[in-house]
Protein backbone atom coordinates (compact mmCIF):
# COMPACT_ATOMS: atom_id res chain seq x y z
CA MET A 1 -17.35 37.95 16.45
CA LYS A 2 -15.44 34.68 17.28
CA HIS A 3 -17.13 31.32 17.17
CA ASN A 4 -15.45 28.03 18.95
CA ARG A 5 -15.50 25.95 15.92
CA GLY A 6 -12.70 23.67 14.74
CA ALA A 7 -10.29 24.98 12.68
CA GLY A 8 -9.54 22.14 10.86
CA ALA A 9 -13.03 21.30 10.00
CA ARG A 10 -13.93 24.86 9.04
CA THR A 11 -10.78 24.83 6.64
CA ALA A 12 -12.02 21.95 5.09
CA VAL A 13 -15.57 23.53 4.22
CA PHE A 14 -13.78 26.33 2.20
CA THR A 15 -11.21 24.51 0.04
CA PRO A 16 -11.66 24.58 -3.54
CA VAL A 17 -14.64 22.46 -4.74
CA ASP A 18 -13.89 20.04 -7.80
CA THR A 19 -12.91 22.12 -10.96
CA ARG A 20 -15.95 20.22 -12.99
CA ALA A 21 -18.04 21.13 -9.92
CA ARG A 22 -21.11 23.60 -10.70
CA VAL A 23 -23.41 25.58 -8.57
CA GLU A 24 -24.80 22.39 -6.91
CA THR A 25 -21.42 21.59 -5.63
CA VAL A 26 -21.27 24.67 -3.76
CA VAL A 27 -24.87 24.76 -2.58
CA ARG A 28 -23.91 21.10 -1.00
CA ARG A 29 -20.83 22.17 0.55
CA ILE A 30 -21.99 25.39 2.21
CA GLY A 31 -25.28 23.89 3.06
CA ASP A 32 -24.25 20.85 4.68
CA ALA A 33 -21.70 23.05 6.85
CA ILE A 34 -24.57 25.02 7.96
CA GLU A 35 -26.85 22.17 8.89
CA LEU A 36 -24.00 20.56 10.71
CA GLY A 37 -23.42 23.81 13.11
CA LEU A 38 -19.79 24.00 11.50
CA LEU A 39 -20.87 27.61 10.44
CA ALA A 40 -22.63 29.16 13.46
CA ASP A 41 -26.19 30.77 13.17
CA GLY A 42 -25.74 34.71 12.46
CA GLU A 43 -21.94 33.96 11.17
CA GLN A 44 -21.17 36.26 8.29
CA LEU A 45 -19.84 34.42 5.23
CA PRO A 46 -16.66 35.77 3.76
CA GLY A 47 -17.15 38.16 1.16
CA GLU A 48 -18.22 36.94 -2.40
CA SER A 49 -14.62 37.63 -4.05
CA VAL A 50 -12.89 35.96 -1.05
CA LEU A 51 -15.24 32.95 -0.92
CA ALA A 52 -15.34 32.55 -4.45
CA GLY A 53 -11.44 32.14 -4.45
CA GLN A 54 -11.30 30.03 -1.21
CA LEU A 55 -13.80 27.56 -3.38
CA GLY A 56 -11.95 27.94 -6.45
CA VAL A 57 -15.25 29.18 -8.42
CA SER A 58 -16.44 32.07 -10.60
CA THR A 59 -17.91 34.93 -8.49
CA VAL A 60 -20.88 34.19 -10.99
CA THR A 61 -21.11 30.52 -10.00
CA LEU A 62 -20.91 31.95 -6.24
CA ARG A 63 -23.69 34.23 -6.49
CA GLU A 64 -26.15 31.52 -8.07
CA ALA A 65 -25.05 29.23 -5.05
CA LEU A 66 -25.77 31.96 -2.48
CA MET A 67 -29.36 32.80 -4.19
CA ALA A 68 -30.09 28.85 -4.02
CA LEU A 69 -28.87 28.96 -0.27
CA ARG A 70 -31.07 31.63 0.09
CA GLN A 71 -34.29 30.01 -1.22
CA GLN A 72 -33.44 27.10 0.91
CA GLY A 73 -33.31 29.74 3.92
CA LEU A 74 -30.01 28.60 4.97
CA VAL A 75 -28.45 32.24 3.80
CA THR A 76 -29.77 35.83 4.56
CA THR A 77 -28.37 38.51 2.81
CA ARG A 78 -28.22 42.22 4.24
CA ARG A 79 -27.46 45.35 2.08
CA GLY A 80 -25.42 48.39 3.21
CA ARG A 81 -22.92 49.13 5.55
CA GLY A 82 -22.26 45.63 7.62
CA GLY A 83 -24.02 43.88 4.95
CA GLY A 84 -23.09 40.65 3.39
CA SER A 85 -24.38 36.89 3.41
CA PHE A 86 -25.02 35.50 6.89
CA VAL A 87 -25.76 31.95 8.14
CA SER A 88 -29.22 30.83 9.03
CA LEU A 89 -29.82 27.48 10.85
CA PRO A 90 -33.05 25.34 9.46
CA ASP A 91 -35.84 25.01 11.72
CA ASP A 92 -35.59 21.28 13.35
CA PRO A 93 -37.40 18.65 11.47
CA SER A 94 -40.32 17.10 13.21
CA GLU A 95 -40.13 13.55 14.33
CA GLU A 96 -42.81 12.40 11.72
CA ARG A 97 -40.51 14.07 8.99
CA ILE A 98 -37.68 12.20 10.24
CA LEU A 99 -39.30 8.78 10.63
CA ALA A 100 -40.76 9.32 7.06
CA ARG A 101 -37.08 9.86 6.08
CA LEU A 102 -35.76 6.73 7.93
CA ALA A 103 -38.67 4.76 6.21
CA ASP A 104 -37.18 5.39 2.67
CA TRP A 105 -34.00 3.23 3.93
CA SER A 106 -34.10 -0.67 3.80
CA THR A 107 -32.02 -2.23 6.58
CA GLU A 108 -29.77 -3.32 4.02
CA GLU A 109 -29.03 0.24 3.27
CA LEU A 110 -28.90 1.27 6.88
CA ARG A 111 -25.95 -1.37 7.19
CA ASP A 112 -24.32 -0.34 4.18
CA LEU A 113 -24.24 3.13 5.43
CA GLY A 114 -23.15 2.23 8.85
CA ASP A 115 -20.15 0.16 7.17
CA HIS A 116 -19.34 3.12 5.14
CA TRP A 117 -19.51 5.62 8.42
CA ALA A 118 -17.47 3.11 10.62
CA ALA A 119 -14.69 2.92 7.99
CA ILE A 120 -14.48 6.52 7.84
CA SER A 121 -14.63 7.48 11.56
CA GLY A 122 -12.20 4.36 12.33
CA ALA A 123 -9.58 5.68 9.80
CA ALA A 124 -10.00 9.33 11.18
CA ALA A 125 -9.56 8.36 14.78
CA ARG A 126 -6.23 5.98 13.71
CA LEU A 127 -4.82 8.80 11.75
CA ALA A 128 -5.47 11.31 14.56
CA ALA A 129 -3.89 9.39 16.92
CA GLN A 130 -0.55 9.29 14.66
CA ARG A 131 -0.81 12.91 13.62
CA THR A 132 -2.19 15.10 15.94
CA GLU A 133 -0.90 17.07 18.77
CA PRO A 134 -2.52 17.61 22.10
CA ASP A 135 -3.44 21.03 21.78
CA ASP A 136 -5.29 19.87 18.53
CA LEU A 137 -8.03 18.03 20.28
CA GLN A 138 -9.51 21.39 22.04
CA PRO A 139 -12.01 21.55 19.32
CA LEU A 140 -12.78 17.92 20.18
CA ARG A 141 -13.12 18.35 23.82
CA ARG A 142 -15.34 21.62 23.84
CA THR A 143 -17.66 20.00 21.25
CA LEU A 144 -18.15 16.94 23.22
CA GLU A 145 -18.71 19.08 26.46
CA GLU A 146 -21.50 20.79 24.26
CA PHE A 147 -23.07 17.57 23.13
CA ALA A 148 -22.97 16.42 26.90
CA ALA A 149 -24.80 19.46 27.91
CA ALA A 150 -27.23 19.78 24.90
CA ARG A 151 -30.95 19.40 25.52
CA GLY A 152 -33.17 18.03 22.87
CA ALA A 153 -32.42 15.51 20.26
CA SER A 154 -32.05 17.71 17.43
CA ALA A 155 -29.34 19.88 18.97
CA ARG A 156 -27.30 16.38 19.97
CA SER A 157 -27.77 15.21 16.59
CA ARG A 158 -26.11 18.73 15.07
CA ILE A 159 -23.32 18.49 17.65
CA HIS A 160 -22.67 14.94 17.03
CA GLY A 161 -22.23 15.32 13.58
CA ARG A 162 -19.86 18.32 14.29
CA PHE A 163 -17.83 15.94 16.59
CA GLN A 164 -17.60 13.50 14.01
CA VAL A 165 -16.37 16.05 11.37
CA GLU A 166 -13.70 17.37 14.04
CA LEU A 167 -12.65 14.10 14.39
CA ALA A 168 -11.93 13.61 10.81
CA ALA A 169 -10.18 17.26 10.78
CA ALA A 170 -7.98 15.97 13.49
CA ALA A 171 -6.50 13.38 11.16
CA GLN A 172 -5.33 16.01 9.04
CA SER A 173 -7.14 14.89 5.82
CA ALA A 174 -9.27 17.25 3.83
CA ARG A 175 -10.71 14.56 2.03
CA LEU A 176 -11.50 12.53 4.87
CA THR A 177 -13.20 15.47 6.43
CA ARG A 178 -15.03 16.30 3.56
CA GLU A 179 -16.36 12.55 3.36
CA GLN A 180 -17.43 12.66 6.94
CA VAL A 181 -19.55 15.98 6.21
CA ALA A 182 -21.42 14.33 3.64
CA LEU A 183 -22.13 11.34 5.84
CA GLN A 184 -23.16 13.34 8.67
CA THR A 185 -25.80 15.41 6.67
CA GLU A 186 -27.09 12.09 5.45
CA VAL A 187 -27.41 10.24 8.75
CA GLY A 188 -27.42 13.42 11.05
CA ALA A 189 -31.40 14.22 11.04
CA LEU A 190 -31.82 10.16 11.55
CA LEU A 191 -29.91 10.28 14.61
CA CYS A 192 -32.51 12.39 16.13
CA LEU A 193 -34.52 9.24 16.88
CA VAL A 194 -31.55 7.66 19.17
CA LEU A 195 -30.14 10.65 20.78
CA GLY A 196 -33.17 11.83 22.81
CA ASP A 197 -32.60 9.36 25.29
CA ASP A 198 -30.33 10.90 28.62
CA THR A 199 -29.09 7.64 29.41
CA ARG A 200 -27.87 6.95 26.02
CA ARG A 201 -26.26 10.40 25.65
CA HIS A 202 -24.17 10.03 28.79
CA LYS A 203 -22.94 6.34 27.66
CA LEU A 204 -22.18 7.96 24.27
CA THR A 205 -20.37 11.14 25.79
CA ASP A 206 -18.26 8.67 28.20
CA ARG A 207 -17.21 6.44 25.00
CA TYR A 208 -16.20 9.52 23.07
CA ARG A 209 -14.13 10.68 26.11
CA THR A 210 -12.19 7.28 25.62
CA VAL A 211 -11.99 8.01 22.00
CA ILE A 212 -10.26 11.26 22.74
CA SER A 213 -8.18 9.85 25.48
CA ALA A 214 -6.80 7.20 22.95
CA VAL A 215 -6.12 9.83 20.21
CA GLN A 216 -3.93 11.72 22.90
CA ASP A 217 -2.18 8.71 23.72
CA GLY A 218 -1.38 7.64 20.47
CA ALA A 219 -3.22 4.60 20.67
CA HIS A 220 -4.21 4.32 16.96
CA ASP A 221 -5.48 0.73 16.95
CA VAL A 222 -7.60 1.35 20.17
CA ALA A 223 -8.93 4.92 18.87
CA GLY A 224 -10.03 3.37 15.61
CA GLU A 225 -11.88 0.34 17.14
CA LEU A 226 -13.60 2.72 19.61
CA ALA A 227 -14.99 5.05 17.01
CA GLU A 228 -16.00 2.19 15.02
CA ARG A 229 -17.94 0.73 17.75
CA CYS A 230 -19.62 3.90 18.77
CA VAL A 231 -20.85 4.10 14.89
CA ARG A 232 -21.96 0.60 14.88
CA ASP A 233 -23.94 0.71 18.05
CA MET A 234 -25.72 3.96 16.61
CA THR A 235 -26.39 1.98 13.57
CA ALA A 236 -27.72 -0.77 15.20
CA ARG A 237 -30.25 1.49 17.17
CA LEU A 238 -31.43 2.97 13.95
CA ILE A 239 -31.88 -0.29 12.28
CA ALA A 240 -34.02 -1.34 15.23
CA VAL A 241 -36.04 1.79 14.80
CA ARG A 242 -36.54 1.06 11.28
CA LEU A 243 -37.56 -2.31 12.20
CA THR A 244 -40.86 -0.93 14.24
CA LEU A 245 -42.18 1.15 11.04
């Protein structure tokens, strides 16, 4: 089965983890990719020996990580012919759970998160404009069209996070891509609170189209500023929701 996911973003998922990392790092790496939709629901993961080699860990460590992922409901295992480990997308969180999660953040922490996110996204857009080829932007365009057509805040949040990761992948930086993955799993669920409005979705889609155009034209400063502006606007909306709690 073929899955239309950005090759660069997927490659970053399966790069070696830190040599000091243990089971928790592998669980976080694969779990984050599943929650963001970088790995498709029902997709079969590589075989244990292959996946362990890609991640640079032992098969014992990998098996412990897969066990933890199964307990979290993110991976299912089938035995016998055609068996293996398969991705299982988590259920969408309720609005009450998301609001409770947002309540754990202070407005100062949200601003700090927004500053970090804007710096990562801006740097990714600038580097992508300098390094990427037009054909490399197809995953971004496909993901943006999925976002434009998505119904429901949870689906939009997941696709939006994938767009952010694929923008970092277009910068051809595995480190930036992994950082963006971590950021999106931190902020992604919260964005359900601001991506449910159709008018806002249309505006954001148009803005991201201008980001892609700037990247394609090699206008790195414009691309970076536009990407940062999108992030700062969403962060401001999250803070506005937080202030109502």
